[in-house]
C-alpha atoms as a PDB file:
ATOM      1  CA  UNK A   1     -28.318 -66.505   0.877  1.00  0.00           C
ATOM      2  CA  UNK A   2     -24.885 -65.673   0.079  1.00  0.00           C
ATOM      3  CA  UNK A   3     -22.839 -63.058   1.210  1.00  0.00           C
ATOM      4  CA  UNK A   4     -20.250 -61.334  -1.028  1.00  0.00           C
ATOM      5  CA  UNK A   5     -17.277 -59.371   0.501  1.00  0.00           C
ATOM      6  CA  UNK A   6     -16.932 -56.249  -1.640  1.00  0.00           C
ATOM      7  CA  UNK A   7     -13.005 -55.045  -1.228  1.00  0.00           C
ATOM      8  CA  UNK A   8     -12.662 -51.285  -1.059  1.00  0.00           C
ATOM      9  CA  UNK A   9      -9.631 -49.916  -2.412  1.00  0.00           C
ATOM     10  CA  UNK A  10      -8.588 -46.370  -0.805  1.00  0.00           C
ATOM     11  CA  UNK A  11      -6.988 -43.807  -3.038  1.00  0.00           C
ATOM     12  CA  UNK A  12      -6.023 -40.533  -1.934  1.00  0.00           C
ATOM     13  CA  UNK A  13      -5.610 -37.900  -4.587  1.00  0.00           C
ATOM     14  CA  UNK A  14      -4.512 -34.495  -4.237  1.00  0.00           C
ATOM     15  CA  UNK A  15      -6.815 -31.647  -4.749  1.00  0.00           C
ATOM     16  CA  UNK A  16      -6.780 -30.114  -8.016  1.00  0.00           C
ATOM     17  CA  UNK A  17      -5.081 -26.605  -7.281  1.00  0.00           C
ATOM     18  CA  UNK A  18      -4.989 -24.624 -11.070  1.00  0.00           C
ATOM     19  CA  UNK A  19      -2.878 -21.831 -11.008  1.00  0.00           C
ATOM     20  CA  UNK A  20      -4.834 -18.365 -10.420  1.00  0.00           C
ATOM     21  CA  UNK A  21      -4.250 -15.386 -12.772  1.00  0.00           C
ATOM     22  CA  UNK A  22      -1.755 -13.016 -11.343  1.00  0.00           C
ATOM     23  CA  UNK A  23      -4.702 -10.441 -12.016  1.00  0.00           C
ATOM     24  CA  UNK A  24      -7.029 -12.162  -9.703  1.00  0.00           C
ATOM     25  CA  UNK A  25      -4.568 -12.538  -6.868  1.00  0.00           C
ATOM     26  CA  UNK A  26      -3.670  -9.015  -7.196  1.00  0.00           C
ATOM     27  CA  UNK A  27      -7.611  -7.856  -7.057  1.00  0.00           C
ATOM     28  CA  UNK A  28      -8.281 -10.331  -4.230  1.00  0.00           C
ATOM     29  CA  UNK A  29      -5.067  -8.909  -2.433  1.00  0.00           C
ATOM     30  CA  UNK A  30      -6.187  -5.070  -2.843  1.00  0.00           C
ATOM     31  CA  UNK A  31      -9.940  -6.109  -1.687  1.00  0.00           C
ATOM     32  CA  UNK A  32      -8.300  -7.784   1.587  1.00  0.00           C
ATOM     33  CA  UNK A  33      -6.343  -4.676   2.066  1.00  0.00           C
ATOM     34  CA  UNK A  34      -9.214  -2.198   1.452  1.00  0.00           C
ATOM     35  CA  UNK A  35     -11.428  -4.194   3.738  1.00  0.00           C
ATOM     36  CA  UNK A  36      -8.583  -4.492   6.720  1.00  0.00           C
ATOM     37  CA  UNK A  37      -7.628  -0.538   6.135  1.00  0.00           C
ATOM     38  CA  UNK A  38     -11.305   0.228   6.631  1.00  0.00           C
ATOM     39  CA  UNK A  39     -12.003  -1.961   9.544  1.00  0.00           C
ATOM     40  CA  UNK A  40      -9.337  -0.269  11.446  1.00  0.00           C
ATOM     41  CA  UNK A  41     -10.318   3.063  11.107  1.00  0.00           C
ATOM     42  CA  UNK A  42     -13.728   1.870  12.100  1.00  0.00           C
ATOM     43  CA  UNK A  43     -12.463   0.198  15.191  1.00  0.00           C
ATOM     44  CA  UNK A  44     -10.784   2.975  16.057  1.00  0.00           C
ATOM     45  CA  UNK A  45     -14.051   4.686  16.798  1.00  0.00           C
ATOM     46  CA  UNK A  46     -14.084   2.432  19.926  1.00  0.00           C
ATOM     47  CA  UNK A  47     -10.876   3.826  21.358  1.00  0.00           C
ATOM     48  CA  UNK A  48     -11.590   5.855  24.449  1.00  0.00           C
ATOM     49  CA  UNK A  49     -11.554   9.351  23.589  1.00  0.00           C
ATOM     50  CA  UNK A  50     -11.813   9.097  19.737  1.00  0.00           C
ATOM     51  CA  UNK A  51     -15.483   9.688  19.363  1.00  0.00           C
ATOM     52  CA  UNK A  52     -14.911  12.991  21.622  1.00  0.00           C
ATOM     53  CA  UNK A  53     -11.902  14.231  19.956  1.00  0.00           C
ATOM     54  CA  UNK A  54     -13.739  13.895  16.296  1.00  0.00           C
ATOM     55  CA  UNK A  55     -16.800  15.812  17.653  1.00  0.00           C
ATOM     56  CA  UNK A  56     -14.149  18.394  18.868  1.00  0.00           C
ATOM     57  CA  UNK A  57     -13.162  18.702  14.987  1.00  0.00           C
ATOM     58  CA  UNK A  58     -10.091  16.827  15.278  1.00  0.00           C
ATOM     59  CA  UNK A  59      -8.597  13.271  13.995  1.00  0.00           C
ATOM     60  CA  UNK A  60      -5.529  12.459  15.215  1.00  0.00           C
ATOM     61  CA  UNK A  61      -3.489  15.691  14.858  1.00  0.00           C
ATOM     62  CA  UNK A  62      -5.496  17.096  11.935  1.00  0.00           C
ATOM     63  CA  UNK A  63      -8.677  19.260  11.687  1.00  0.00           C
ATOM     64  CA  UNK A  64     -11.557  17.756  10.629  1.00  0.00           C
ATOM     65  CA  UNK A  65     -12.607  19.730   7.620  1.00  0.00           C
ATOM     66  CA  UNK A  66     -12.969  19.091   4.012  1.00  0.00           C
ATOM     67  CA  UNK A  67      -9.398  18.772   2.816  1.00  0.00           C
ATOM     68  CA  UNK A  68      -8.961  16.107   5.437  1.00  0.00           C
ATOM     69  CA  UNK A  69     -12.111  14.157   4.437  1.00  0.00           C
ATOM     70  CA  UNK A  70     -11.134  14.674   0.576  1.00  0.00           C
ATOM     71  CA  UNK A  71      -7.573  13.277   1.691  1.00  0.00           C
ATOM     72  CA  UNK A  72      -9.106  10.406   3.787  1.00  0.00           C
ATOM     73  CA  UNK A  73     -11.467   9.020   0.870  1.00  0.00           C
ATOM     74  CA  UNK A  74      -8.819   8.947  -1.583  1.00  0.00           C
ATOM     75  CA  UNK A  75      -6.594   6.956   0.874  1.00  0.00           C
ATOM     76  CA  UNK A  76      -9.691   4.620   0.984  1.00  0.00           C
ATOM     77  CA  UNK A  77     -10.642   4.941  -2.434  1.00  0.00           C
ATOM     78  CA  UNK A  78      -7.345   4.344  -4.018  1.00  0.00           C
ATOM     79  CA  UNK A  79      -7.233   0.549  -3.084  1.00  0.00           C
ATOM     80  CA  UNK A  80     -11.015   0.280  -4.131  1.00  0.00           C
ATOM     81  CA  UNK A  81     -10.060   1.550  -7.807  1.00  0.00           C
ATOM     82  CA  UNK A  82      -6.843  -0.818  -7.664  1.00  0.00           C
ATOM     83  CA  UNK A  83      -9.334  -3.854  -7.337  1.00  0.00           C
ATOM     84  CA  UNK A  84     -10.993  -3.153 -10.411  1.00  0.00           C
ATOM     85  CA  UNK A  85      -7.559  -1.891 -12.493  1.00  0.00           C
ATOM     86  CA  UNK A  86      -6.074  -4.931 -11.392  1.00  0.00           C
ATOM     87  CA  UNK A  87      -8.437  -7.007 -12.933  1.00  0.00           C
ATOM     88  CA  UNK A  88      -8.842  -5.013 -16.217  1.00  0.00           C
ATOM     89  CA  UNK A  89      -5.420  -3.295 -17.221  1.00  0.00           C
ATOM     90  CA  UNK A  90      -3.314  -5.151 -19.565  1.00  0.00           C
ATOM     91  CA  UNK A  91      -0.357  -7.109 -18.046  1.00  0.00           C
ATOM     92  CA  UNK A  92       2.320  -4.610 -18.603  1.00  0.00           C
ATOM     93  CA  UNK A  93       0.566  -1.586 -17.483  1.00  0.00           C
ATOM     94  CA  UNK A  94      -1.191  -3.280 -14.797  1.00  0.00           C
ATOM     95  CA  UNK A  95       2.263  -4.970 -13.090  1.00  0.00           C
ATOM     96  CA  UNK A  96       3.772  -1.170 -12.971  1.00  0.00           C
ATOM     97  CA  UNK A  97       0.711   0.315 -11.387  1.00  0.00           C
ATOM     98  CA  UNK A  98       0.540  -2.238  -8.991  1.00  0.00           C
ATOM     99  CA  UNK A  99       4.090  -1.798  -8.175  1.00  0.00           C
ATOM    100  CA  UNK A 100       3.873   2.359  -7.703  1.00  0.00           C
ATOM    101  CA  UNK A 101       0.714   2.270  -5.624  1.00  0.00           C
ATOM    102  CA  UNK A 102       1.621  -0.404  -3.364  1.00  0.00           C
ATOM    103  CA  UNK A 103       5.112   1.047  -3.143  1.00  0.00           C
ATOM    104  CA  UNK A 104       3.426   4.390  -2.054  1.00  0.00           C
ATOM    105  CA  UNK A 105       1.418   2.880   0.269  1.00  0.00           C
ATOM    106  CA  UNK A 106       4.116   1.336   2.419  1.00  0.00           C
ATOM    107  CA  UNK A 107       5.008   4.600   4.121  1.00  0.00           C
ATOM    108  CA  UNK A 108       1.418   5.664   4.294  1.00  0.00           C
ATOM    109  CA  UNK A 109       0.894   2.233   6.280  1.00  0.00           C
ATOM    110  CA  UNK A 110       3.717   2.508   8.798  1.00  0.00           C
ATOM    111  CA  UNK A 111       2.625   6.481   9.010  1.00  0.00           C
ATOM    112  CA  UNK A 112      -0.716   4.859  11.113  1.00  0.00           C
ATOM    113  CA  UNK A 113       1.866   4.060  13.907  1.00  0.00           C
ATOM    114  CA  UNK A 114       3.196   7.400  14.599  1.00  0.00           C
ATOM    115  CA  UNK A 115       2.254   8.813  17.932  1.00  0.00           C
ATOM    116  CA  UNK A 116      -0.337   5.817  18.834  1.00  0.00           C
ATOM    117  CA  UNK A 117      -0.591   4.374  22.179  1.00  0.00           C
ATOM    118  CA  UNK A 118      -2.377   1.715  21.171  1.00  0.00           C
ATOM    119  CA  UNK A 119       0.333  -0.207  19.837  1.00  0.00           C
ATOM    120  CA  UNK A 120      -0.665  -3.455  19.675  1.00  0.00           C
ATOM    121  CA  UNK A 121      -3.945  -2.536  17.953  1.00  0.00           C
ATOM    122  CA  UNK A 122      -2.177  -0.204  15.225  1.00  0.00           C
ATOM    123  CA  UNK A 123       0.514  -2.721  15.237  1.00  0.00           C
ATOM    124  CA  UNK A 124      -1.366  -5.542  14.045  1.00  0.00           C
ATOM    125  CA  UNK A 125      -2.887  -3.331  11.366  1.00  0.00           C
ATOM    126  CA  UNK A 126       0.110  -2.033  10.074  1.00  0.00           C
ATOM    127  CA  UNK A 127       1.269  -5.770   9.958  1.00  0.00           C
ATOM    128  CA  UNK A 128      -1.261  -7.216   8.253  1.00  0.00           C
ATOM    129  CA  UNK A 129      -1.457  -4.257   5.597  1.00  0.00           C
ATOM    130  CA  UNK A 130       2.263  -4.364   4.956  1.00  0.00           C
ATOM    131  CA  UNK A 131       2.084  -8.346   4.335  1.00  0.00           C
ATOM    132  CA  UNK A 132      -0.885  -7.487   1.973  1.00  0.00           C
ATOM    133  CA  UNK A 133       1.410  -5.019   0.166  1.00  0.00           C
ATOM    134  CA  UNK A 134       4.242  -7.209   0.051  1.00  0.00           C
ATOM    135  CA  UNK A 135       2.249  -9.691  -1.785  1.00  0.00           C
ATOM    136  CA  UNK A 136       1.259  -7.485  -3.930  1.00  0.00           C
ATOM    137  CA  UNK A 137       4.583  -6.283  -4.719  1.00  0.00           C
ATOM    138  CA  UNK A 138       5.834  -9.909  -5.142  1.00  0.00           C
ATOM    139  CA  UNK A 139       2.914 -10.840  -7.487  1.00  0.00           C
ATOM    140  CA  UNK A 140       3.561  -7.897  -9.783  1.00  0.00           C
ATOM    141  CA  UNK A 141       7.512  -8.072  -9.642  1.00  0.00           C
ATOM    142  CA  UNK A 142       7.201 -11.864 -10.639  1.00  0.00           C
ATOM    143  CA  UNK A 143       4.373 -11.494 -13.111  1.00  0.00           C
ATOM    144  CA  UNK A 144       4.937 -14.369 -15.233  1.00  0.00           C
ATOM    145  CA  UNK A 145       6.187 -13.548 -18.912  1.00  0.00           C
ATOM    146  CA  UNK A 146       5.502 -15.405 -21.983  1.00  0.00           C
ATOM    147  CA  UNK A 147       8.421 -15.580 -24.709  1.00  0.00           C
ATOM    148  CA  UNK A 148       7.586 -13.764 -27.813  1.00  0.00           C
ATOM    149  CA  UNK A 149       9.032 -15.390 -31.052  1.00  0.00           C
ATOM    150  CA  UNK A 150       9.900 -13.067 -34.165  1.00  0.00           C
ATOM    151  CA  UNK A 151       8.596 -14.074 -37.432  1.00  0.00           C
END
């Protein structure tokens, strides 16, 4: 019986990392933003006194009424709609809509820190949301262009 020795050659190769379309990046970033936005609101319910304040008809400094609920729904609904719009709109319109909406959400996001005593909780929420909005702004702003030749 003969023993044969097989020599193994070790090759390392880089993982294939194809470029991701800007539309997919934007839709994914808006999805992350929306989930984080919702979770901050949800986890707010665990703060001492939050439920009692809501049962008394107040949220933050606002009266809990139909206007407040509609505004809150719109603030969560817009990022949800941006997921679909980022995937569906043509590039030129997509870029403008993402720049405008993400730009408008920056002050809305920072507003969540106003008057809060749980600065680490809300601070983390604002930092993550601002980073995601900055990513959206950068991805939309640097949208690759193709050269169009005239015939």
